[in-house]
Amino acid sequence: MSESPDLREVQKRTLRLMNCKDGLWDLLLGLIFMALAVYPITRARLGPVWDLALFVGVLLLSLAAFGGVRRKISAPRLGYVESKRSPAMS
């Protein structure tokens, strides 16, 4: 406990927590499963080429939306830290 924590290691752990513990990956995975469930129905109506284009479009749109939500919600909830010199180091 007497040694100071490595700032790089703290940043790595914080980024890991930000990317995994917010529940957005679970929501994205559920959305992908729902799109895969609808895929056979739309394939019968649209054909294989248009259905694949629709599926890839929905996938890219959902990835962009979740990236925006992560930047808007997950990153600010962690806050920012300003490091200050302790009196012992002065």
N, C-alpha and C. Protein backbone atom coordinates (compact mmCIF):
# COMPACT_ATOMS: atom_id res chain seq x y z
N MET A 1 0.80 -1.19 0.00
CA MET A 1 0.00 0.00 0.00
C MET A 1 0.85 1.26 0.00
N SER A 2 2.15 1.15 0.26
CA SER A 2 2.98 2.33 0.33
C SER A 2 3.40 2.84 -1.05
N GLU A 3 3.35 1.98 -2.07
CA GLU A 3 3.75 2.42 -3.40
C GLU A 3 2.57 3.07 -4.13
N SER A 4 2.86 4.04 -4.97
CA SER A 4 1.79 4.74 -5.70
C SER A 4 1.38 3.90 -6.91
N PRO A 5 0.11 3.94 -7.28
CA PRO A 5 -0.36 3.13 -8.41
C PRO A 5 0.17 3.68 -9.73
N ASP A 6 0.40 2.79 -10.67
CA ASP A 6 0.86 3.18 -11.99
C ASP A 6 -0.31 3.81 -12.75
N LEU A 7 -0.13 5.02 -13.25
CA LEU A 7 -1.20 5.75 -13.91
C LEU A 7 -1.67 5.04 -15.18
N ARG A 8 -0.75 4.46 -15.92
CA ARG A 8 -1.13 3.73 -17.16
C ARG A 8 -2.01 2.53 -16.83
N GLU A 9 -1.67 1.82 -15.78
CA GLU A 9 -2.45 0.65 -15.38
C GLU A 9 -3.85 1.06 -14.92
N VAL A 10 -3.94 2.17 -14.22
CA VAL A 10 -5.25 2.68 -13.78
C VAL A 10 -6.09 3.05 -14.99
N GLN A 11 -5.49 3.69 -15.99
CA GLN A 11 -6.23 4.06 -17.20
C GLN A 11 -6.70 2.82 -17.95
N LYS A 12 -5.85 1.80 -18.06
CA LYS A 12 -6.25 0.56 -18.74
C LYS A 12 -7.44 -0.10 -18.05
N ARG A 13 -7.38 -0.18 -16.73
CA ARG A 13 -8.47 -0.81 -15.98
C ARG A 13 -9.75 -0.01 -16.08
N THR A 14 -9.63 1.30 -16.09
CA THR A 14 -10.82 2.15 -16.22
C THR A 14 -11.46 1.97 -17.59
N LEU A 15 -10.65 1.93 -18.65
CA LEU A 15 -11.20 1.71 -19.98
C LEU A 15 -11.83 0.33 -20.11
N ARG A 16 -11.23 -0.66 -19.49
CA ARG A 16 -11.80 -2.01 -19.53
C ARG A 16 -13.16 -2.04 -18.84
N LEU A 17 -13.27 -1.36 -17.69
CA LEU A 17 -14.55 -1.30 -16.99
C LEU A 17 -15.58 -0.53 -17.81
N MET A 18 -15.15 0.53 -18.48
CA MET A 18 -16.08 1.34 -19.25
C MET A 18 -16.65 0.55 -20.43
N ASN A 19 -15.85 -0.32 -21.03
CA ASN A 19 -16.30 -1.03 -22.20
C ASN A 19 -17.08 -2.30 -21.88
N CYS A 20 -16.95 -2.84 -20.71
CA CYS A 20 -17.57 -4.13 -20.43
C CYS A 20 -18.68 -4.10 -19.40
N LYS A 21 -18.73 -3.15 -18.54
CA LYS A 21 -19.65 -3.19 -17.42
C LYS A 21 -20.86 -2.28 -17.56
N ASP A 22 -21.15 -1.78 -18.75
CA ASP A 22 -22.26 -0.85 -18.88
C ASP A 22 -23.53 -1.49 -19.43
N GLY A 23 -23.48 -2.72 -19.89
CA GLY A 23 -24.66 -3.42 -20.37
C GLY A 23 -25.00 -3.15 -21.83
N LEU A 24 -24.24 -2.29 -22.49
CA LEU A 24 -24.54 -1.99 -23.89
C LEU A 24 -24.22 -3.16 -24.81
N TRP A 25 -23.19 -3.93 -24.47
CA TRP A 25 -22.89 -5.11 -25.29
C TRP A 25 -24.03 -6.11 -25.23
N ASP A 26 -24.67 -6.25 -24.09
CA ASP A 26 -25.80 -7.16 -23.95
C ASP A 26 -26.96 -6.70 -24.82
N LEU A 27 -27.22 -5.41 -24.82
CA LEU A 27 -28.30 -4.88 -25.65
C LEU A 27 -28.00 -5.04 -27.13
N LEU A 28 -26.76 -4.81 -27.52
CA LEU A 28 -26.37 -4.96 -28.92
C LEU A 28 -26.49 -6.42 -29.35
N LEU A 29 -26.07 -7.33 -28.50
CA LEU A 29 -26.17 -8.75 -28.82
C LEU A 29 -27.63 -9.17 -28.95
N GLY A 30 -28.50 -8.66 -28.09
CA GLY A 30 -29.93 -8.95 -28.21
C GLY A 30 -30.52 -8.41 -29.49
N LEU A 31 -30.10 -7.22 -29.90
CA LEU A 31 -30.57 -6.64 -31.15
C LEU A 31 -30.11 -7.46 -32.35
N ILE A 32 -28.88 -7.96 -32.30
CA ILE A 32 -28.38 -8.81 -33.39
C ILE A 32 -29.16 -10.11 -33.45
N PHE A 33 -29.47 -10.71 -32.32
CA PHE A 33 -30.27 -11.94 -32.32
C PHE A 33 -31.68 -11.69 -32.86
N MET A 34 -32.24 -10.54 -32.52
CA MET A 34 -33.57 -10.22 -33.05
C MET A 34 -33.52 -10.02 -34.57
N ALA A 35 -32.46 -9.39 -35.07
CA ALA A 35 -32.32 -9.22 -36.51
C ALA A 35 -32.11 -10.57 -37.19
N LEU A 36 -31.37 -11.46 -36.55
CA LEU A 36 -31.20 -12.80 -37.12
C LEU A 36 -32.50 -13.60 -37.10
N ALA A 37 -33.37 -13.35 -36.15
CA ALA A 37 -34.65 -14.05 -36.10
C ALA A 37 -35.57 -13.60 -37.23
N VAL A 38 -35.47 -12.35 -37.63
CA VAL A 38 -36.31 -11.81 -38.70
C VAL A 38 -35.70 -12.10 -40.08
N TYR A 39 -34.43 -12.44 -40.12
CA TYR A 39 -33.71 -12.64 -41.36
C TYR A 39 -34.38 -13.65 -42.30
N PRO A 40 -34.82 -14.84 -41.86
CA PRO A 40 -35.45 -15.78 -42.80
C PRO A 40 -36.78 -15.26 -43.37
N ILE A 41 -37.51 -14.49 -42.58
CA ILE A 41 -38.79 -13.95 -43.07
C ILE A 41 -38.55 -12.92 -44.15
N THR A 42 -37.60 -12.03 -43.92
CA THR A 42 -37.32 -11.01 -44.93
C THR A 42 -36.61 -11.60 -46.14
N ARG A 43 -35.90 -12.70 -45.97
CA ARG A 43 -35.25 -13.34 -47.12
C ARG A 43 -36.28 -13.90 -48.09
N ALA A 44 -37.36 -14.44 -47.55
CA ALA A 44 -38.40 -14.98 -48.41
C ALA A 44 -39.11 -13.86 -49.18
N ARG A 45 -39.21 -12.68 -48.60
CA ARG A 45 -39.92 -11.57 -49.24
C ARG A 45 -39.02 -10.71 -50.13
N LEU A 46 -37.78 -10.48 -49.71
CA LEU A 46 -36.89 -9.57 -50.44
C LEU A 46 -35.91 -10.27 -51.36
N GLY A 47 -35.61 -11.51 -51.08
CA GLY A 47 -34.57 -12.20 -51.84
C GLY A 47 -33.25 -12.13 -51.08
N PRO A 48 -32.31 -12.98 -51.46
CA PRO A 48 -31.07 -13.07 -50.68
C PRO A 48 -30.19 -11.81 -50.74
N VAL A 49 -30.11 -11.15 -51.88
CA VAL A 49 -29.21 -10.00 -52.00
C VAL A 49 -29.73 -8.81 -51.20
N TRP A 50 -31.00 -8.46 -51.36
CA TRP A 50 -31.56 -7.32 -50.65
C TRP A 50 -31.68 -7.59 -49.16
N ASP A 51 -31.91 -8.84 -48.83
CA ASP A 51 -32.00 -9.19 -47.41
C ASP A 51 -30.64 -9.03 -46.72
N LEU A 52 -29.59 -9.47 -47.40
CA LEU A 52 -28.25 -9.30 -46.84
C LEU A 52 -27.91 -7.82 -46.71
N ALA A 53 -28.26 -7.03 -47.70
CA ALA A 53 -28.02 -5.58 -47.64
C ALA A 53 -28.80 -4.96 -46.47
N LEU A 54 -30.03 -5.38 -46.27
CA LEU A 54 -30.83 -4.88 -45.16
C LEU A 54 -30.22 -5.28 -43.82
N PHE A 55 -29.79 -6.53 -43.70
CA PHE A 55 -29.20 -7.01 -42.46
C PHE A 55 -27.90 -6.27 -42.13
N VAL A 56 -27.04 -6.10 -43.12
CA VAL A 56 -25.77 -5.38 -42.90
C VAL A 56 -26.05 -3.92 -42.56
N GLY A 57 -27.03 -3.32 -43.22
CA GLY A 57 -27.40 -1.94 -42.92
C GLY A 57 -27.90 -1.78 -41.49
N VAL A 58 -28.76 -2.69 -41.05
CA VAL A 58 -29.26 -2.65 -39.67
C VAL A 58 -28.11 -2.86 -38.69
N LEU A 59 -27.21 -3.77 -39.02
CA LEU A 59 -26.07 -4.03 -38.14
C LEU A 59 -25.17 -2.81 -38.03
N LEU A 60 -24.84 -2.16 -39.14
CA LEU A 60 -23.99 -0.97 -39.11
C LEU A 60 -24.68 0.18 -38.40
N LEU A 61 -25.97 0.34 -38.62
CA LEU A 61 -26.72 1.40 -37.95
C LEU A 61 -26.75 1.18 -36.44
N SER A 62 -26.95 -0.06 -36.02
CA SER A 62 -26.98 -0.34 -34.58
C SER A 62 -25.60 -0.16 -33.95
N LEU A 63 -24.54 -0.53 -34.66
CA LEU A 63 -23.19 -0.31 -34.13
C LEU A 63 -22.89 1.18 -33.98
N ALA A 64 -23.30 1.97 -34.94
CA ALA A 64 -23.09 3.42 -34.85
C ALA A 64 -23.91 4.01 -33.70
N ALA A 65 -25.14 3.55 -33.54
CA ALA A 65 -25.99 4.06 -32.47
C ALA A 65 -25.42 3.70 -31.10
N PHE A 66 -24.96 2.47 -30.94
CA PHE A 66 -24.40 2.07 -29.65
C PHE A 66 -23.07 2.75 -29.38
N GLY A 67 -22.29 3.05 -30.43
CA GLY A 67 -21.06 3.82 -30.23
C GLY A 67 -21.37 5.22 -29.74
N GLY A 68 -22.40 5.83 -30.31
CA GLY A 68 -22.82 7.16 -29.85
C GLY A 68 -23.35 7.15 -28.44
N VAL A 69 -24.12 6.14 -28.11
CA VAL A 69 -24.65 6.02 -26.75
C VAL A 69 -23.52 5.82 -25.75
N ARG A 70 -22.54 5.01 -26.13
CA ARG A 70 -21.39 4.78 -25.24
C ARG A 70 -20.63 6.07 -25.01
N ARG A 71 -20.41 6.84 -26.06
CA ARG A 71 -19.68 8.10 -25.92
C ARG A 71 -20.48 9.11 -25.12
N LYS A 72 -21.81 9.09 -25.24
CA LYS A 72 -22.66 10.07 -24.57
C LYS A 72 -22.95 9.69 -23.13
N ILE A 73 -23.07 8.39 -22.83
CA ILE A 73 -23.49 7.96 -21.49
C ILE A 73 -22.36 7.31 -20.70
N SER A 74 -21.67 6.34 -21.27
CA SER A 74 -20.68 5.58 -20.50
C SER A 74 -19.44 6.37 -20.16
N ALA A 75 -18.91 7.13 -21.09
CA ALA A 75 -17.67 7.88 -20.82
C ALA A 75 -17.89 8.98 -19.79
N PRO A 76 -18.93 9.81 -19.87
CA PRO A 76 -19.08 10.86 -18.86
C PRO A 76 -19.40 10.35 -17.46
N ARG A 77 -19.96 9.16 -17.33
CA ARG A 77 -20.32 8.70 -15.99
C ARG A 77 -19.10 8.36 -15.15
N LEU A 78 -17.94 8.15 -15.80
CA LEU A 78 -16.73 7.86 -15.05
C LEU A 78 -16.08 9.12 -14.49
N GLY A 79 -16.22 10.23 -15.19
CA GLY A 79 -15.64 11.48 -14.73
C GLY A 79 -14.18 11.59 -15.13
N TYR A 80 -13.58 12.68 -14.74
CA TYR A 80 -12.19 12.94 -15.06
C TYR A 80 -11.44 13.25 -13.77
N VAL A 81 -10.20 12.84 -13.74
CA VAL A 81 -9.38 13.02 -12.55
C VAL A 81 -8.21 13.91 -12.91
N GLU A 82 -7.96 14.91 -12.07
CA GLU A 82 -6.78 15.74 -12.22
C GLU A 82 -5.78 15.34 -11.17
N SER A 83 -4.62 14.92 -11.62
CA SER A 83 -3.60 14.50 -10.65
C SER A 83 -2.90 15.73 -10.10
N LYS A 84 -2.70 15.72 -8.80
CA LYS A 84 -2.02 16.82 -8.12
C LYS A 84 -0.82 16.26 -7.37
N ARG A 85 0.15 17.07 -7.22
CA ARG A 85 1.34 16.64 -6.49
C ARG A 85 1.04 16.65 -5.00
N SER A 86 1.46 15.62 -4.33
CA SER A 86 1.26 15.54 -2.88
C SER A 86 2.31 16.41 -2.19
N PRO A 87 2.04 16.82 -0.96
CA PRO A 87 3.03 17.62 -0.23
C PRO A 87 4.35 16.90 -0.02
N ALA A 88 4.32 15.58 0.04
CA ALA A 88 5.56 14.82 0.25
C ALA A 88 6.46 14.87 -0.98
N MET A 89 5.87 15.04 -2.17
CA MET A 89 6.67 15.05 -3.39
C MET A 89 7.21 16.44 -3.71
N SER A 90 6.73 17.49 -3.08
CA SER A 90 7.16 18.86 -3.37
C SER A 90 8.54 19.15 -2.92
